[in-house]
N, C-alpha and C. Protein backbone atom coordinates (compact mmCIF):
# COMPACT_ATOMS: atom_id res chain seq x y z
N MET A 1 0.80 -1.15 -0.04
CA MET A 1 0.03 -0.03 0.02
C MET A 1 0.82 1.16 0.02
N GLU A 2 2.09 1.07 0.54
CA GLU A 2 2.90 2.52 0.64
C GLU A 2 3.23 2.74 -0.83
N GLU A 3 3.85 1.72 -1.63
CA GLU A 3 4.07 1.97 -2.93
C GLU A 3 3.10 2.37 -3.34
N THR A 4 1.96 2.20 -3.32
CA THR A 4 0.92 2.68 -4.13
C THR A 4 0.55 4.27 -3.98
N ARG A 5 0.65 4.57 -2.66
CA ARG A 5 0.48 5.86 -2.09
C ARG A 5 1.95 6.75 -2.65
N LYS A 6 2.55 6.22 -2.53
CA LYS A 6 4.05 7.09 -3.25
C LYS A 6 3.61 7.22 -4.76
N ASP A 7 3.17 6.03 -5.39
CA ASP A 7 3.19 6.41 -6.82
C ASP A 7 1.87 7.29 -7.19
N LEU A 8 0.97 7.34 -6.07
CA LEU A 8 -0.13 8.47 -6.60
C LEU A 8 0.23 9.67 -6.21
N LEU A 9 1.02 10.07 -5.55
CA LEU A 9 1.55 11.35 -5.14
C LEU A 9 2.56 11.77 -6.32
N ALA A 10 3.20 10.78 -6.86
CA ALA A 10 3.96 11.17 -7.88
C ALA A 10 3.76 11.57 -9.07
N GLU A 11 2.50 10.73 -9.41
CA GLU A 11 1.77 11.01 -10.52
C GLU A 11 1.09 12.20 -10.40
N LEU A 12 0.68 12.61 -9.46
CA LEU A 12 0.24 13.83 -9.25
C LEU A 12 1.17 15.04 -9.21
N GLY A 13 2.30 14.65 -9.23
CA GLY A 13 3.66 15.82 -8.79
C GLY A 13 3.60 16.30 -7.51
N ILE A 14 3.04 15.61 -6.65
CA ILE A 14 2.72 15.86 -5.03
C ILE A 14 3.94 15.70 -3.84
N ASN A 15 4.90 16.45 -3.67
CA ASN A 15 6.11 15.88 -2.68
C ASN A 15 5.20 14.96 -1.82
N ASP A 16 5.95 13.81 -1.25
CA ASP A 16 5.66 13.24 -0.08
C ASP A 16 5.29 13.96 1.12
N GLY A 17 4.10 13.89 1.62
CA GLY A 17 3.81 14.50 2.75
C GLY A 17 3.08 13.80 3.90
N ALA A 18 2.38 14.36 4.94
CA ALA A 18 1.32 13.87 5.82
C ALA A 18 -0.05 13.77 5.08
N PHE A 19 -0.67 13.02 4.83
CA PHE A 19 -2.11 13.01 4.72
C PHE A 19 -2.66 12.41 5.44
N PHE A 20 -4.15 13.18 5.97
CA PHE A 20 -4.81 12.46 7.15
C PHE A 20 -5.45 11.15 6.52
N SER A 21 -6.17 10.92 5.48
CA SER A 21 -6.72 9.57 4.87
C SER A 21 -5.67 8.74 4.20
N LEU A 22 -4.88 9.31 3.49
CA LEU A 22 -3.77 8.62 2.53
C LEU A 22 -3.11 7.62 3.80
N ASP A 23 -2.65 8.37 4.98
CA ASP A 23 -1.96 7.66 5.90
C ASP A 23 -2.60 6.67 6.76
N ALA A 24 -4.22 7.04 6.79
CA ALA A 24 -4.85 5.88 7.58
C ALA A 24 -5.07 4.72 6.75
N TYR A 25 -5.44 4.82 5.38
CA TYR A 25 -4.97 3.91 4.49
C TYR A 25 -3.84 2.44 4.60
N ILE A 26 -2.96 3.43 4.65
CA ILE A 26 -1.42 2.65 5.12
C ILE A 26 -1.47 2.12 6.35
N LYS A 27 -1.94 2.64 7.31
CA LYS A 27 -1.71 2.25 8.82
C LYS A 27 -3.00 1.04 8.84
N GLY A 28 -4.10 0.87 7.95
CA GLY A 28 -4.97 -0.13 7.91
C GLY A 28 -4.82 -1.01 7.17
N ASP A 29 -3.58 -1.05 6.17
CA ASP A 29 -3.48 -1.82 4.93
C ASP A 29 -5.06 -2.12 4.30
N HIS A 30 -5.44 -0.64 4.31
CA HIS A 30 -7.00 -0.56 3.30
C HIS A 30 -6.53 -0.30 1.79
N LYS A 31 -7.02 -1.44 1.03
CA LYS A 31 -7.09 -1.36 -0.26
C LYS A 31 -7.60 -0.28 -1.28
N TYR A 32 -8.44 0.79 -0.72
CA TYR A 32 -9.02 1.65 -1.23
C TYR A 32 -8.18 2.71 -2.04
N ILE A 33 -7.00 2.76 -1.67
CA ILE A 33 -5.73 3.85 -2.07
C ILE A 33 -5.58 3.34 -3.52
N ARG A 34 -5.77 1.79 -3.72
CA ARG A 34 -5.40 1.31 -5.17
C ARG A 34 -6.52 1.95 -6.26
N ASP A 35 -7.90 1.81 -5.38
CA ASP A 35 -8.97 2.45 -6.38
C ASP A 35 -8.78 4.05 -6.73
N LEU A 36 -8.33 4.80 -5.42
CA LEU A 36 -8.04 6.22 -5.66
C LEU A 36 -7.14 6.07 -7.06
N ARG A 37 -6.11 5.74 -6.97
CA ARG A 37 -5.03 5.90 -8.07
C ARG A 37 -5.74 5.46 -9.46
N ILE A 38 -6.17 4.19 -9.47
CA ILE A 38 -6.59 3.50 -10.97
C ILE A 38 -7.81 4.66 -11.08
N ASN A 39 -8.76 4.99 -10.68
CA ASN A 39 -9.87 6.07 -10.88
C ASN A 39 -9.41 7.31 -11.49
N LEU A 40 -8.65 7.82 -10.70
CA LEU A 40 -7.97 8.91 -11.05
C LEU A 40 -7.38 8.81 -12.65
N LYS A 41 -6.30 7.84 -12.48
CA LYS A 41 -5.67 7.63 -13.93
C LYS A 41 -6.83 7.50 -14.92
N ASN A 42 -7.83 6.54 -14.58
CA ASN A 42 -8.67 6.36 -15.74
C ASN A 42 -9.43 7.60 -16.31
N VAL A 43 -9.80 8.54 -15.62
CA VAL A 43 -10.73 9.58 -15.66
C VAL A 43 -10.03 10.84 -16.55
N LEU A 44 -8.55 10.65 -15.98
CA LEU A 44 -7.65 11.49 -16.85
C LEU A 44 -7.36 11.17 -18.21
N GLU A 45 -7.34 10.27 -18.46
CA GLU A 45 -7.31 9.61 -19.62
C GLU A 45 -8.55 9.38 -20.62
N SER A 46 -9.53 10.03 -20.23
CA SER A 46 -10.84 9.85 -20.95
C SER A 46 -10.68 10.62 -22.26
N PRO A 47 -10.92 9.75 -23.44
CA PRO A 47 -10.87 10.38 -24.96
C PRO A 47 -11.68 11.36 -25.15
N SER A 48 -12.78 11.45 -24.90
CA SER A 48 -13.82 12.33 -24.94
C SER A 48 -13.69 13.59 -24.54
N LEU A 49 -12.61 13.66 -23.55
CA LEU A 49 -12.72 15.03 -23.20
C LEU A 49 -11.41 16.02 -23.70
N GLY A 50 -11.09 15.44 -25.08
CA GLY A 50 -10.06 16.34 -25.94
C GLY A 50 -8.69 16.45 -25.67
N GLY A 51 -8.41 15.47 -24.83
CA GLY A 51 -6.67 15.70 -24.37
C GLY A 51 -6.68 15.83 -23.22
N LYS A 52 -5.36 15.70 -22.63
CA LYS A 52 -4.94 15.58 -21.24
C LYS A 52 -5.00 17.16 -20.68
N LYS A 53 -4.55 18.21 -21.42
CA LYS A 53 -4.91 19.67 -21.23
C LYS A 53 -6.29 19.79 -20.59
N ASN A 54 -7.20 19.55 -21.54
CA ASN A 54 -8.53 19.73 -20.83
C ASN A 54 -8.97 18.88 -19.53
N ALA A 55 -8.48 17.73 -19.49
CA ALA A 55 -8.65 16.85 -18.37
C ALA A 55 -8.13 17.67 -17.24
N TYR A 56 -6.82 18.05 -17.31
CA TYR A 56 -6.25 18.50 -15.94
C TYR A 56 -6.89 19.96 -15.85
N LEU A 57 -7.26 20.79 -16.71
CA LEU A 57 -8.14 22.09 -16.58
C LEU A 57 -9.30 21.43 -15.82
N LEU A 58 -10.02 20.63 -16.26
CA LEU A 58 -11.55 20.48 -15.74
C LEU A 58 -11.04 20.07 -14.27
N ALA A 59 -10.02 19.20 -14.06
CA ALA A 59 -9.77 18.80 -12.62
C ALA A 59 -9.64 19.87 -11.92
N LEU A 60 -8.84 20.96 -12.39
CA LEU A 60 -8.48 21.99 -11.53
C LEU A 60 -9.69 22.88 -10.79
N ALA A 61 -10.50 23.04 -11.94
CA ALA A 61 -11.75 23.71 -11.54
C ALA A 61 -12.48 22.84 -10.51
N ILE A 62 -12.30 21.68 -10.49
CA ILE A 62 -12.88 20.71 -9.04
C ILE A 62 -12.14 21.00 -8.09
N ALA A 63 -10.94 21.13 -8.28
CA ALA A 63 -10.06 20.83 -7.04
C ALA A 63 -10.07 22.59 -6.17
N VAL A 64 -10.27 23.50 -7.28
CA VAL A 64 -10.58 24.79 -6.75
C VAL A 64 -11.92 25.22 -5.87
N ASN A 65 -13.14 24.52 -6.74
CA ASN A 65 -14.42 24.41 -6.00
C ASN A 65 -14.08 23.45 -4.55
N GLU A 66 -13.44 22.84 -4.68
CA GLU A 66 -13.12 21.47 -3.19
C GLU A 66 -12.22 22.35 -2.45
N ARG A 67 -11.85 23.29 -2.57
CA ARG A 67 -10.89 24.00 -1.85
C ARG A 67 -9.59 23.41 -1.23
N CYS A 68 -8.93 22.44 -2.36
CA CYS A 68 -8.22 21.40 -2.06
C CYS A 68 -6.63 21.91 -2.68
N THR A 69 -5.86 22.64 -2.02
CA THR A 69 -4.65 23.13 -2.27
C THR A 69 -3.82 22.21 -2.71
N PRO A 70 -3.34 21.04 -2.06
CA PRO A 70 -2.44 20.24 -2.67
C PRO A 70 -3.01 19.88 -4.33
N LEU A 71 -4.19 19.67 -4.40
CA LEU A 71 -4.53 19.11 -6.12
C LEU A 71 -4.82 20.69 -6.95
N ILE A 72 -4.82 21.67 -6.18
CA ILE A 72 -4.87 22.74 -7.09
C ILE A 72 -3.62 23.11 -7.83
N LEU A 73 -2.45 22.92 -6.96
CA LEU A 73 -1.33 22.84 -7.15
C LEU A 73 -0.74 22.20 -7.99
N ALA A 74 -1.29 20.87 -8.05
CA ALA A 74 -0.88 19.82 -8.92
C ALA A 74 -1.48 19.88 -10.32
N PHE A 75 -2.95 20.14 -10.33
CA PHE A 75 -3.56 19.98 -11.31
C PHE A 75 -3.14 21.18 -12.26
N SER A 76 -2.72 22.58 -11.72
CA SER A 76 -2.24 23.69 -12.31
C SER A 76 -0.99 23.16 -13.31
N GLU A 77 -0.17 22.59 -12.53
CA GLU A 77 1.43 22.37 -12.96
C GLU A 77 1.18 21.34 -14.26
N GLN A 78 0.27 20.24 -13.76
CA GLN A 78 0.02 19.20 -14.96
C GLN A 78 -0.70 19.71 -16.08
N ALA A 79 -1.69 20.89 -15.96
CA ALA A 79 -2.27 21.44 -17.26
C ALA A 79 -0.93 22.10 -17.95
N ARG A 80 -0.37 22.91 -17.08
CA ARG A 80 0.99 23.88 -17.79
C ARG A 80 1.48 22.78 -18.41
N LYS A 81 1.96 21.86 -18.01
CA LYS A 81 2.79 20.58 -18.74
C LYS A 81 2.30 20.42 -20.34
N HIS A 82 1.03 20.09 -19.99
CA HIS A 82 0.44 19.74 -21.27
C HIS A 82 -0.25 21.22 -22.22
N GLY A 83 0.37 22.28 -22.10
CA GLY A 83 0.15 23.43 -23.21
C GLY A 83 -0.90 24.39 -22.43
N ALA A 84 -1.16 24.36 -21.32
CA ALA A 84 -2.52 25.39 -20.52
C ALA A 84 -1.68 26.70 -20.53
N THR A 85 -2.54 27.75 -20.66
CA THR A 85 -1.62 29.00 -20.60
C THR A 85 -2.39 29.67 -19.55
N ASP A 86 -1.81 30.72 -18.82
CA ASP A 86 -2.18 31.28 -17.43
C ASP A 86 -3.56 31.83 -17.55
N ALA A 87 -4.04 32.29 -18.92
CA ALA A 87 -5.26 32.76 -18.80
C ALA A 87 -6.16 31.53 -18.80
N GLU A 88 -6.14 30.56 -19.26
CA GLU A 88 -6.70 29.39 -18.96
C GLU A 88 -6.75 28.85 -17.61
N LEU A 89 -5.52 28.86 -17.20
CA LEU A 89 -5.89 28.59 -15.56
C LEU A 89 -6.44 29.34 -14.91
N ALA A 90 -6.33 30.60 -14.96
CA ALA A 90 -7.14 31.41 -14.22
C ALA A 90 -8.80 31.40 -14.57
N GLU A 91 -9.15 30.97 -15.78
CA GLU A 91 -10.54 30.94 -16.10
C GLU A 91 -10.93 29.71 -15.30
N MET A 92 -10.23 28.78 -14.99
CA MET A 92 -10.79 27.38 -14.10
C MET A 92 -11.06 28.19 -12.88
N HIS A 93 -10.38 29.01 -12.14
CA HIS A 93 -10.48 29.51 -11.13
C HIS A 93 -11.81 30.50 -11.09
N ALA A 94 -12.06 31.17 -11.92
CA ALA A 94 -13.12 32.06 -12.37
C ALA A 94 -14.35 31.18 -12.44
N ILE A 95 -14.25 30.24 -13.34
CA ILE A 95 -15.39 29.22 -13.43
C ILE A 95 -16.16 28.76 -12.24
N ALA A 96 -14.87 28.24 -11.29
CA ALA A 96 -15.59 27.41 -9.83
C ALA A 96 -16.12 28.62 -9.10
N SER A 97 -15.57 29.95 -9.14
CA SER A 97 -16.16 30.90 -8.30
C SER A 97 -17.41 31.43 -8.77
N LEU A 98 -17.72 31.82 -10.30
CA LEU A 98 -18.77 31.94 -10.51
C LEU A 98 -20.22 30.88 -10.30
N LEU A 99 -19.41 29.87 -10.75
CA LEU A 99 -20.60 28.46 -10.41
C LEU A 99 -20.83 28.58 -8.91
N ALA A 100 -20.05 28.36 -8.19
CA ALA A 100 -20.23 28.60 -6.74
C ALA A 100 -21.39 29.53 -6.30
N THR A 101 -21.30 30.72 -6.86
CA THR A 101 -22.16 31.98 -6.83
C THR A 101 -23.61 31.34 -7.37
N ASN A 102 -23.95 31.11 -8.72
CA ASN A 102 -24.97 30.62 -9.23
C ASN A 102 -25.28 29.46 -8.74
N ASN A 103 -24.92 28.62 -8.31
CA ASN A 103 -25.34 27.37 -7.55
C ASN A 103 -26.26 27.43 -6.55
N VAL A 104 -25.68 28.28 -5.67
CA VAL A 104 -26.28 28.81 -4.51
C VAL A 104 -27.67 29.43 -4.83
N LEU A 105 -27.62 30.55 -5.74
CA LEU A 105 -28.82 31.19 -5.96
C LEU A 105 -29.71 30.57 -6.77
N TYR A 106 -29.54 29.56 -7.77
CA TYR A 106 -30.59 28.72 -8.59
C TYR A 106 -31.04 27.63 -7.89
N ARG A 107 -30.09 27.20 -6.62
CA ARG A 107 -30.66 26.04 -6.20
C ARG A 107 -31.89 26.61 -5.02
N PHE A 108 -31.36 27.82 -4.50
CA PHE A 108 -32.43 28.35 -3.66
C PHE A 108 -33.88 28.54 -4.52
N ARG A 109 -33.97 29.32 -5.54
CA ARG A 109 -34.76 29.09 -6.27
C ARG A 109 -35.75 27.95 -6.62
N HIS A 110 -34.80 27.04 -6.70
CA HIS A 110 -35.45 25.66 -7.39
C HIS A 110 -35.97 25.02 -6.07
N PHE A 111 -35.43 25.01 -4.60
CA PHE A 111 -35.93 24.35 -3.50
C PHE A 111 -36.99 25.55 -3.19
N SER A 112 -37.23 26.59 -2.97
CA SER A 112 -38.19 27.28 -2.26
C SER A 112 -39.53 27.07 -2.97
N GLU A 113 -40.37 26.92 -2.15
CA GLU A 113 -41.69 26.85 -2.45
C GLU A 113 -42.32 28.03 -2.98
N ASN A 114 -41.98 29.37 -2.62
CA ASN A 114 -42.11 30.62 -2.93
C ASN A 114 -41.79 30.75 -4.40
N LYS A 115 -42.40 30.76 -5.55
CA LYS A 115 -41.84 30.98 -6.79
C LYS A 115 -41.52 32.39 -7.41
N ALA A 116 -42.04 33.45 -6.24
CA ALA A 116 -42.08 34.77 -6.54
C ALA A 116 -40.50 34.70 -6.99
N TYR A 117 -39.42 34.21 -6.31
CA TYR A 117 -38.11 34.32 -6.26
C TYR A 117 -37.81 34.17 -7.73
N GLU A 118 -38.37 33.38 -8.52
CA GLU A 118 -37.91 32.96 -9.77
C GLU A 118 -37.83 34.24 -10.72
N GLN A 119 -39.11 35.07 -10.07
CA GLN A 119 -39.37 36.24 -11.31
C GLN A 119 -38.17 37.49 -10.99
N MET A 120 -37.71 37.54 -9.84
CA MET A 120 -36.74 38.54 -9.69
C MET A 120 -35.42 38.32 -10.36
N PRO A 121 -34.92 39.52 -10.80
CA PRO A 121 -33.57 39.38 -11.62
C PRO A 121 -32.31 39.06 -10.78
N ALA A 122 -31.40 37.78 -11.30
CA ALA A 122 -30.11 37.41 -10.66
C ALA A 122 -29.40 38.77 -10.04
N GLY A 123 -29.30 39.74 -10.89
CA GLY A 123 -28.27 40.65 -10.56
C GLY A 123 -27.08 40.13 -10.41
N ILE A 124 -26.64 39.09 -10.89
CA ILE A 124 -25.15 38.58 -11.06
C ILE A 124 -24.36 38.55 -12.41
N LYS A 125 -23.64 39.69 -12.39
CA LYS A 125 -22.41 39.59 -13.49
C LYS A 125 -21.64 38.48 -14.18
N MET A 126 -21.99 38.29 -15.09
CA MET A 126 -21.78 36.86 -15.85
C MET A 126 -20.80 37.01 -16.96
N THR A 127 -19.92 38.36 -17.53
CA THR A 127 -19.99 38.34 -18.92
C THR A 127 -18.75 37.55 -19.26
N ILE A 128 -18.24 36.57 -18.41
CA ILE A 128 -16.94 35.59 -18.89
C ILE A 128 -17.92 34.46 -19.52
N MET A 129 -19.08 34.50 -19.24
CA MET A 129 -19.69 33.20 -20.01
C MET A 129 -19.96 33.57 -21.51
N ALA A 130 -19.94 34.61 -21.81
CA ALA A 130 -20.20 34.97 -22.92
C ALA A 130 -18.78 35.27 -23.98
N ARG A 131 -17.80 35.18 -23.58
CA ARG A 131 -16.57 35.37 -23.95
C ARG A 131 -15.56 34.78 -23.43
N PRO A 132 -15.80 33.39 -23.28
CA PRO A 132 -14.68 32.68 -22.40
C PRO A 132 -13.15 32.78 -23.16
N VAL A 133 -12.24 32.23 -22.37
CA VAL A 133 -11.04 32.25 -22.94
C VAL A 133 -10.79 31.03 -23.37
N THR A 134 -11.16 29.82 -22.93
CA THR A 134 -11.52 28.55 -23.26
C THR A 134 -12.55 28.67 -24.59
N SER A 135 -12.75 27.67 -25.41
CA SER A 135 -14.09 27.54 -26.11
C SER A 135 -15.18 27.34 -25.22
N LYS A 136 -16.31 28.10 -26.10
CA LYS A 136 -17.62 28.01 -25.17
C LYS A 136 -17.90 26.56 -24.74
N LEU A 137 -17.92 25.73 -25.71
CA LEU A 137 -17.98 24.51 -25.38
C LEU A 137 -17.19 24.01 -24.07
N PHE A 138 -16.18 23.91 -24.12
CA PHE A 138 -15.52 23.58 -23.01
C PHE A 138 -16.13 24.24 -21.63
N PHE A 139 -15.85 25.76 -21.76
CA PHE A 139 -16.64 26.66 -20.45
C PHE A 139 -17.76 26.13 -20.09
N GLU A 140 -18.74 25.54 -20.93
CA GLU A 140 -20.02 25.25 -20.35
C GLU A 140 -19.80 23.73 -19.98
N LEU A 141 -18.95 22.91 -20.43
CA LEU A 141 -18.73 21.54 -20.00
C LEU A 141 -18.39 21.51 -18.45
N VAL A 142 -17.20 22.39 -18.08
CA VAL A 142 -16.35 22.92 -16.85
C VAL A 142 -17.84 23.35 -15.80
N SER A 143 -18.59 24.21 -16.40
CA SER A 143 -19.54 24.51 -15.68
C SER A 143 -20.52 23.78 -15.67
N LEU A 144 -20.89 22.82 -16.29
CA LEU A 144 -21.74 21.63 -15.82
C LEU A 144 -21.25 20.59 -14.81
N ALA A 145 -19.82 20.40 -14.83
CA ALA A 145 -19.12 19.61 -14.02
C ALA A 145 -19.15 20.25 -12.61
N VAL A 146 -18.85 21.33 -12.58
CA VAL A 146 -18.93 22.25 -11.09
C VAL A 146 -20.40 21.91 -10.64
N SER A 147 -21.45 22.23 -11.86
CA SER A 147 -22.59 22.48 -10.96
C SER A 147 -23.10 21.16 -10.48
N ALA A 148 -22.81 20.13 -11.17
CA ALA A 148 -22.89 18.51 -10.66
C ALA A 148 -22.49 18.24 -9.45
N VAL A 149 -21.15 19.08 -9.11
CA VAL A 149 -20.74 18.78 -7.92
C VAL A 149 -21.35 19.28 -6.65
N ASN A 150 -21.72 20.66 -6.99
CA ASN A 150 -22.63 21.46 -6.21
C ASN A 150 -24.04 21.06 -6.03
N GLY A 151 -24.46 20.01 -7.01
CA GLY A 151 -25.79 19.58 -6.60
C GLY A 151 -26.84 20.75 -6.94
N CYS A 152 -26.43 21.51 -8.30
CA CYS A 152 -27.75 22.67 -8.71
C CYS A 152 -28.41 21.93 -9.84
N GLU A 153 -29.51 21.47 -9.69
CA GLU A 153 -30.18 20.67 -10.77
C GLU A 153 -30.64 21.62 -12.00
N VAL A 154 -31.14 22.72 -11.78
CA VAL A 154 -31.58 24.11 -12.67
C VAL A 154 -30.14 24.09 -13.40
N CYS A 155 -29.23 24.13 -12.63
CA CYS A 155 -27.72 24.50 -13.48
C CYS A 155 -27.12 23.31 -14.28
N VAL A 156 -27.40 22.30 -13.68
CA VAL A 156 -26.94 20.95 -14.41
C VAL A 156 -27.51 20.91 -15.85
N ASN A 157 -29.05 20.82 -15.78
CA ASN A 157 -30.13 20.72 -16.91
C ASN A 157 -29.68 21.72 -17.96
N SER A 158 -29.34 23.07 -17.60
CA SER A 158 -29.15 24.29 -18.50
C SER A 158 -27.75 24.09 -19.13
N HIS A 159 -26.66 23.74 -18.35
CA HIS A 159 -25.26 23.75 -18.89
C HIS A 159 -25.06 22.31 -19.59
N GLU A 160 -26.01 21.17 -19.43
CA GLU A 160 -25.69 20.13 -20.14
C GLU A 160 -26.45 20.10 -21.57
N LYS A 161 -27.57 21.13 -21.65
CA LYS A 161 -28.25 21.29 -22.86
C LYS A 161 -27.26 22.35 -23.37
N SER A 162 -26.57 23.29 -23.27
CA SER A 162 -25.58 24.07 -23.83
C SER A 162 -24.54 23.32 -24.28
N VAL A 163 -23.92 22.49 -23.45
CA VAL A 163 -22.72 21.62 -23.86
C VAL A 163 -23.14 20.81 -25.08
N ARG A 164 -24.57 19.98 -25.21
CA ARG A 164 -24.81 19.51 -26.29
C ARG A 164 -24.99 20.49 -27.59
N GLU A 165 -25.69 21.76 -27.40
CA GLU A 165 -25.75 22.36 -28.59
C GLU A 165 -24.76 22.90 -29.27
N HIS A 166 -23.32 22.95 -28.33
CA HIS A 166 -22.39 23.52 -28.90
C HIS A 166 -21.48 22.51 -29.29
N GLY A 167 -21.93 21.27 -29.82
CA GLY A 167 -21.51 19.93 -30.32
C GLY A 167 -21.00 19.04 -29.21
N GLY A 168 -21.04 19.10 -27.96
CA GLY A 168 -20.68 18.01 -27.20
C GLY A 168 -21.42 16.75 -27.05
N SER A 169 -20.78 15.76 -27.10
CA SER A 169 -21.45 14.35 -26.95
C SER A 169 -21.87 13.83 -25.46
N GLN A 170 -23.02 13.12 -25.38
CA GLN A 170 -23.23 12.42 -24.19
C GLN A 170 -22.01 11.69 -23.51
N GLU A 171 -21.23 11.25 -24.39
CA GLU A 171 -19.90 10.66 -23.73
C GLU A 171 -18.85 11.58 -23.04
N MET A 172 -18.98 12.59 -23.73
CA MET A 172 -17.87 13.64 -23.03
C MET A 172 -18.57 14.30 -21.97
N ILE A 173 -19.84 14.36 -21.79
CA ILE A 173 -20.60 14.81 -20.97
C ILE A 173 -20.36 14.03 -19.48
N PHE A 174 -20.54 12.48 -20.04
CA PHE A 174 -20.59 12.03 -18.86
C PHE A 174 -19.09 11.40 -18.29
N ASP A 175 -18.16 11.75 -19.03
CA ASP A 175 -16.72 11.53 -18.97
C ASP A 175 -16.29 12.71 -18.09
N ALA A 176 -16.88 13.90 -18.28
CA ALA A 176 -16.44 15.08 -17.51
C ALA A 176 -17.14 14.66 -15.94
N ILE A 177 -18.21 14.38 -15.65
CA ILE A 177 -19.12 14.34 -14.51
C ILE A 177 -18.11 13.11 -13.88
N ARG A 178 -17.98 12.18 -14.33
CA ARG A 178 -17.06 11.10 -14.00
C ARG A 178 -15.52 11.76 -13.12
N LEU A 179 -14.80 12.54 -14.18
CA LEU A 179 -13.90 12.88 -13.43
C LEU A 179 -14.18 13.97 -12.44
N ALA A 180 -15.37 14.73 -12.71
CA ALA A 180 -15.50 15.83 -11.18
C ALA A 180 -15.86 15.00 -10.27
N ALA A 181 -16.27 13.55 -10.17
CA ALA A 181 -16.68 12.54 -9.13
C ALA A 181 -15.41 12.39 -8.32
N VAL A 182 -14.50 11.70 -9.47
CA VAL A 182 -13.34 11.12 -8.98
C VAL A 182 -12.39 12.40 -8.12
N VAL A 183 -12.29 13.66 -8.64
CA VAL A 183 -11.42 14.45 -8.28
C VAL A 183 -12.05 15.04 -6.90
N ARG A 184 -13.41 15.20 -6.70
CA ARG A 184 -13.94 15.67 -5.38
C ARG A 184 -13.78 14.40 -4.50
N GLY A 185 -14.04 12.90 -5.14
CA GLY A 185 -13.65 11.99 -3.90
C GLY A 185 -11.98 11.85 -3.54
N LEU A 186 -11.38 12.46 -4.35
CA LEU A 186 -9.74 12.32 -4.04
C LEU A 186 -9.50 13.64 -3.06
N SER A 187 -10.23 14.89 -3.33
CA SER A 187 -9.84 15.74 -2.68
C SER A 187 -10.30 15.47 -0.97
N LEU A 188 -11.14 14.68 -0.77
CA LEU A 188 -11.51 14.42 0.56
C LEU A 188 -10.01 13.57 1.27
N ASN A 189 -9.31 12.97 0.54
CA ASN A 189 -8.31 12.47 0.84
C ASN A 189 -6.86 13.31 0.96
N MET A 190 -7.02 14.46 0.53
CA MET A 190 -5.73 15.26 0.51
C MET A 190 -5.45 16.36 1.32
N HIS A 191 -6.12 16.08 2.61
CA HIS A 191 -5.83 17.19 3.52
C HIS A 191 -4.68 16.96 4.25
N GLU A 192 -3.91 17.97 4.38
CA GLU A 192 -2.41 17.94 4.99
C GLU A 192 -2.45 17.61 6.53
N ILE A 193 -1.62 16.95 6.85
CA ILE A 193 -1.43 16.81 8.59
C ILE A 193 -0.18 18.12 9.05
N GLU A 194 -1.00 19.07 9.51
CA GLU A 194 -0.10 20.13 9.96
C GLU A 194 0.92 19.45 10.98
N SER A 195 2.10 20.36 11.39
CA SER A 195 2.83 19.89 12.64
C SER A 195 2.29 20.27 13.82
N ALA A 196 1.22 20.99 13.73
CA ALA A 196 0.63 21.28 14.98
C ALA A 196 -0.67 20.10 15.53
N ASP A 197 -1.11 19.40 14.10
CA ASP A 197 -1.74 18.42 14.64
C ASP A 197 -1.20 17.05 15.38
N ILE A 198 0.24 17.03 14.80
CA ILE A 198 1.18 15.93 15.10
C ILE A 198 1.42 16.12 16.91
N ALA A 199 1.71 17.33 16.84
CA ALA A 199 2.36 17.59 18.18
C ALA A 199 1.06 17.13 19.42
């Protein structure tokens, strides 16, 4: 299990350190760490996402959404290695922020029995949606993935429809959601143990 842990961190480009969950798997000789590594490798190699750069950019947006610093740094570096620009990396941060905002608002409108809120203007500026740095298709795909992680039904349906209207396939959509799901699960395992926690 220790070898799998080292391989997982090496593949991510993360220096070996102390992580609560990963260390628990080693101490407990728990095989789930193998599933983590295999699942991540499989979703990052999904051919329908349009290459490694897109896969790592999408993974970055989910890591930002999950506030997982080790994965934010790792996926940023891997995306750069596969040709991502600073502007594209910045857009993943922007998408995560904008969708975190929209997901709360539209979830509230959907959940509330008072339908008067649906008639009120959102009043949220979203110009980056009109002129994304990445393609409109990829912007919508990442927005869909973040919305799925955040559980916004209205946003999921809106962005899923938009991805298909811009030429995205159902396989692309499903692979993006699989990647988002795996990165979200992985992020729960990547909380570092600070020295204060050990003392």
